[in-house]
Amino acid sequence: MGTKEFWKKLRERANCSVRAVSFCLNISYFDAYSRLESLGRKKSCGFNLSPHKDKLGLITRPELSCRQFDKILPELSNGRYIIFVSGHYFAVVNGVVINNLKTKMKCRVKMVYELLS
């Protein structure tokens, strides 16, 4: 990949799913980008991880869903997770929130995905 293409991908919009997968799976942004692209993700478009969770080695944790994020964060202190809130994905790794936006701690969690170890 050339330098120009590298920076184009990095400036892409609607890439929160790529970033979340990258941090959760502990792989580079570009490996995550390629993986999601192979699953049907289009450039600069949002992507629903739910139908592809098995292929990414993720399981759902529905018992943590439909709650405020600040209430479930203590339960995410061990492991690698992807959190879905309204229109946005971000990662939590061993209790550390890794996010490219300012997500409010009181936001409602729609789904939690955990990486199988």
C-alpha atoms as a PDB file:
ATOM      1  CA  MET A   1       0.000   0.000   0.000  1.00  0.00           C
ATOM      2  CA  GLY A   2       1.366   3.400  -0.983  1.00  0.00           C
ATOM      3  CA  THR A   3       1.642   6.412   1.307  1.00  0.00           C
ATOM      4  CA  LYS A   4      -1.245   8.238  -0.381  1.00  0.00           C
ATOM      5  CA  GLU A   5      -3.585   5.247  -0.004  1.00  0.00           C
ATOM      6  CA  PHE A   6      -2.460   4.818   3.631  1.00  0.00           C
ATOM      7  CA  TRP A   7      -3.482   8.375   4.580  1.00  0.00           C
ATOM      8  CA  LYS A   8      -6.723   8.144   2.598  1.00  0.00           C
ATOM      9  CA  LYS A   9      -7.808   5.114   4.649  1.00  0.00           C
ATOM     10  CA  LEU A  10      -6.771   6.751   7.891  1.00  0.00           C
ATOM     11  CA  ARG A  11      -8.911   9.840   7.172  1.00  0.00           C
ATOM     12  CA  GLU A  12     -11.930   7.746   6.287  1.00  0.00           C
ATOM     13  CA  ARG A  13     -15.236   8.607   7.936  1.00  0.00           C
ATOM     14  CA  ALA A  14     -17.643   6.177   9.626  1.00  0.00           C
ATOM     15  CA  ASN A  15     -14.796   3.878  10.624  1.00  0.00           C
ATOM     16  CA  CYS A  16     -15.602   3.302  14.303  1.00  0.00           C
ATOM     17  CA  SER A  17     -16.220  -0.408  13.635  1.00  0.00           C
ATOM     18  CA  VAL A  18     -12.727  -0.714  12.121  1.00  0.00           C
ATOM     19  CA  ARG A  19     -11.119   1.028  15.092  1.00  0.00           C
ATOM     20  CA  ALA A  20     -13.078  -1.028  17.615  1.00  0.00           C
ATOM     21  CA  VAL A  21     -12.151  -4.312  15.911  1.00  0.00           C
ATOM     22  CA  SER A  22      -8.521  -3.206  15.683  1.00  0.00           C
ATOM     23  CA  PHE A  23      -8.272  -2.533  19.426  1.00  0.00           C
ATOM     24  CA  CYS A  24     -10.402  -5.465  20.544  1.00  0.00           C
ATOM     25  CA  LEU A  25      -8.579  -8.050  18.419  1.00  0.00           C
ATOM     26  CA  ASN A  26      -5.203  -6.342  19.006  1.00  0.00           C
ATOM     27  CA  ILE A  27      -4.477  -6.095  15.290  1.00  0.00           C
ATOM     28  CA  SER A  28      -3.445  -3.133  13.154  1.00  0.00           C
ATOM     29  CA  TYR A  29      -6.020  -0.712  11.787  1.00  0.00           C
ATOM     30  CA  PHE A  30      -5.265  -1.948   8.267  1.00  0.00           C
ATOM     31  CA  ASP A  31      -5.669  -5.619   9.197  1.00  0.00           C
ATOM     32  CA  ALA A  32      -9.030  -4.769  10.773  1.00  0.00           C
ATOM     33  CA  TYR A  33      -9.949  -2.695   7.710  1.00  0.00           C
ATOM     34  CA  SER A  34      -9.142  -5.623   5.386  1.00  0.00           C
ATOM     35  CA  ARG A  35     -11.017  -8.101   7.555  1.00  0.00           C
ATOM     36  CA  LEU A  36     -14.186  -6.022   7.606  1.00  0.00           C
ATOM     37  CA  GLU A  37     -13.850  -5.241   3.910  1.00  0.00           C
ATOM     38  CA  SER A  38     -13.784  -9.000   3.219  1.00  0.00           C
ATOM     39  CA  LEU A  39     -17.030  -9.269   5.217  1.00  0.00           C
ATOM     40  CA  GLY A  40     -18.708  -6.634   3.029  1.00  0.00           C
ATOM     41  CA  ARG A  41     -17.865  -3.296   4.631  1.00  0.00           C
ATOM     42  CA  LYS A  42     -17.894  -0.421   2.123  1.00  0.00           C
ATOM     43  CA  LYS A  43     -15.514   2.542   2.298  1.00  0.00           C
ATOM     44  CA  SER A  44     -16.733   5.389   4.549  1.00  0.00           C
ATOM     45  CA  CYS A  45     -19.944   3.551   5.397  1.00  0.00           C
ATOM     46  CA  GLY A  46     -21.128   2.299   8.745  1.00  0.00           C
ATOM     47  CA  PHE A  47     -20.965  -1.455   9.311  1.00  0.00           C
ATOM     48  CA  ASN A  48     -23.083  -3.776  11.433  1.00  0.00           C
ATOM     49  CA  LEU A  49     -20.806  -6.203  13.287  1.00  0.00           C
ATOM     50  CA  SER A  50     -23.632  -8.373  14.635  1.00  0.00           C
ATOM     51  CA  PRO A  51     -24.047 -10.758  11.652  1.00  0.00           C
ATOM     52  CA  HIS A  52     -20.266 -11.249  11.514  1.00  0.00           C
ATOM     53  CA  LYS A  53     -19.459 -11.663  15.207  1.00  0.00           C
ATOM     54  CA  ASP A  54     -18.656 -15.390  14.880  1.00  0.00           C
ATOM     55  CA  LYS A  55     -16.182 -14.756  12.056  1.00  0.00           C
ATOM     56  CA  LEU A  56     -14.426 -12.192  14.267  1.00  0.00           C
ATOM     57  CA  GLY A  57     -14.271 -14.501  17.295  1.00  0.00           C
ATOM     58  CA  LEU A  58     -16.805 -12.476  19.274  1.00  0.00           C
ATOM     59  CA  ILE A  59     -19.740 -13.538  21.418  1.00  0.00           C
ATOM     60  CA  THR A  60     -22.649 -11.345  22.500  1.00  0.00           C
ATOM     61  CA  ARG A  61     -23.209 -10.498  26.144  1.00  0.00           C
ATOM     62  CA  PRO A  62     -26.916  -9.589  26.120  1.00  0.00           C
ATOM     63  CA  GLU A  63     -27.070  -9.468  29.930  1.00  0.00           C
ATOM     64  CA  LEU A  64     -24.907  -6.311  29.756  1.00  0.00           C
ATOM     65  CA  SER A  65     -27.080  -4.630  27.114  1.00  0.00           C
ATOM     66  CA  CYS A  66     -29.873  -2.081  27.669  1.00  0.00           C
ATOM     67  CA  ARG A  67     -28.014  -0.592  30.635  1.00  0.00           C
ATOM     68  CA  GLN A  68     -26.076   2.613  31.175  1.00  0.00           C
ATOM     69  CA  PHE A  69     -22.433   2.337  30.182  1.00  0.00           C
ATOM     70  CA  ASP A  70     -21.124   3.612  33.524  1.00  0.00           C
ATOM     71  CA  LYS A  71     -23.060   0.806  35.292  1.00  0.00           C
ATOM     72  CA  ILE A  72     -21.483  -2.004  33.234  1.00  0.00           C
ATOM     73  CA  LEU A  73     -17.927  -0.636  32.994  1.00  0.00           C
ATOM     74  CA  PRO A  74     -16.820  -2.310  36.254  1.00  0.00           C
ATOM     75  CA  GLU A  75     -17.887  -5.667  34.766  1.00  0.00           C
ATOM     76  CA  LEU A  76     -15.555  -5.072  31.790  1.00  0.00           C
ATOM     77  CA  SER A  77     -12.372  -4.915  33.871  1.00  0.00           C
ATOM     78  CA  ASN A  78     -11.014  -8.196  32.522  1.00  0.00           C
ATOM     79  CA  GLY A  79     -11.103  -9.008  28.810  1.00  0.00           C
ATOM     80  CA  ARG A  80     -11.538  -7.394  25.419  1.00  0.00           C
ATOM     81  CA  TYR A  81     -14.913  -5.973  24.386  1.00  0.00           C
ATOM     82  CA  ILE A  82     -16.641  -4.031  21.636  1.00  0.00           C
ATOM     83  CA  ILE A  83     -19.486  -1.824  22.825  1.00  0.00           C
ATOM     84  CA  PHE A  84     -22.286  -0.668  20.546  1.00  0.00           C
ATOM     85  CA  VAL A  85     -24.209   2.467  21.479  1.00  0.00           C
ATOM     86  CA  SER A  86     -26.525   4.420  19.218  1.00  0.00           C
ATOM     87  CA  GLY A  87     -24.723   4.458  15.843  1.00  0.00           C
ATOM     88  CA  HIS A  88     -21.229   4.003  17.316  1.00  0.00           C
ATOM     89  CA  TYR A  89     -18.794   1.207  18.234  1.00  0.00           C
ATOM     90  CA  PHE A  90     -15.839   1.474  20.598  1.00  0.00           C
ATOM     91  CA  ALA A  91     -13.533  -0.892  22.445  1.00  0.00           C
ATOM     92  CA  VAL A  92     -12.927  -1.579  26.118  1.00  0.00           C
ATOM     93  CA  VAL A  93      -9.753  -3.504  26.911  1.00  0.00           C
ATOM     94  CA  ASN A  94      -9.264  -4.649  30.506  1.00  0.00           C
ATOM     95  CA  GLY A  95     -11.482  -1.837  31.760  1.00  0.00           C
ATOM     96  CA  VAL A  96      -9.832   0.890  29.652  1.00  0.00           C
ATOM     97  CA  VAL A  97     -12.187   2.709  27.264  1.00  0.00           C
ATOM     98  CA  ILE A  98     -10.638   3.158  23.818  1.00  0.00           C
ATOM     99  CA  ASN A  99     -12.769   5.521  21.811  1.00  0.00           C
ATOM    100  CA  ASN A 100     -12.313   8.062  19.029  1.00  0.00           C
ATOM    101  CA  LEU A 101     -15.358  10.106  20.110  1.00  0.00           C
ATOM    102  CA  LYS A 102     -16.521  11.497  23.411  1.00  0.00           C
ATOM    103  CA  THR A 103     -19.026   8.871  24.468  1.00  0.00           C
ATOM    104  CA  LYS A 104     -21.057   9.896  27.483  1.00  0.00           C
ATOM    105  CA  MET A 105     -20.695   7.546  30.439  1.00  0.00           C
ATOM    106  CA  LYS A 106     -24.480   7.584  30.929  1.00  0.00           C
ATOM    107  CA  CYS A 107     -25.273   6.484  27.371  1.00  0.00           C
ATOM    108  CA  ARG A 108     -27.451   3.419  26.867  1.00  0.00           C
ATOM    109  CA  VAL A 109     -25.560   0.319  25.657  1.00  0.00           C
ATOM    110  CA  LYS A 110     -27.279  -1.508  22.814  1.00  0.00           C
ATOM    111  CA  MET A 111     -24.931  -4.521  22.650  1.00  0.00           C
ATOM    112  CA  VAL A 112     -21.706  -5.824  24.160  1.00  0.00           C
ATOM    113  CA  TYR A 113     -19.447  -8.195  22.232  1.00  0.00           C
ATOM    114  CA  GLU A 114     -16.672 -10.072  24.011  1.00  0.00           C
ATOM    115  CA  LEU A 115     -13.612 -11.558  22.357  1.00  0.00           C
ATOM    116  CA  LEU A 116     -13.306 -15.276  23.010  1.00  0.00           C
ATOM    117  CA  SER A 117      -9.882 -16.023  24.445  1.00  0.00           C
END
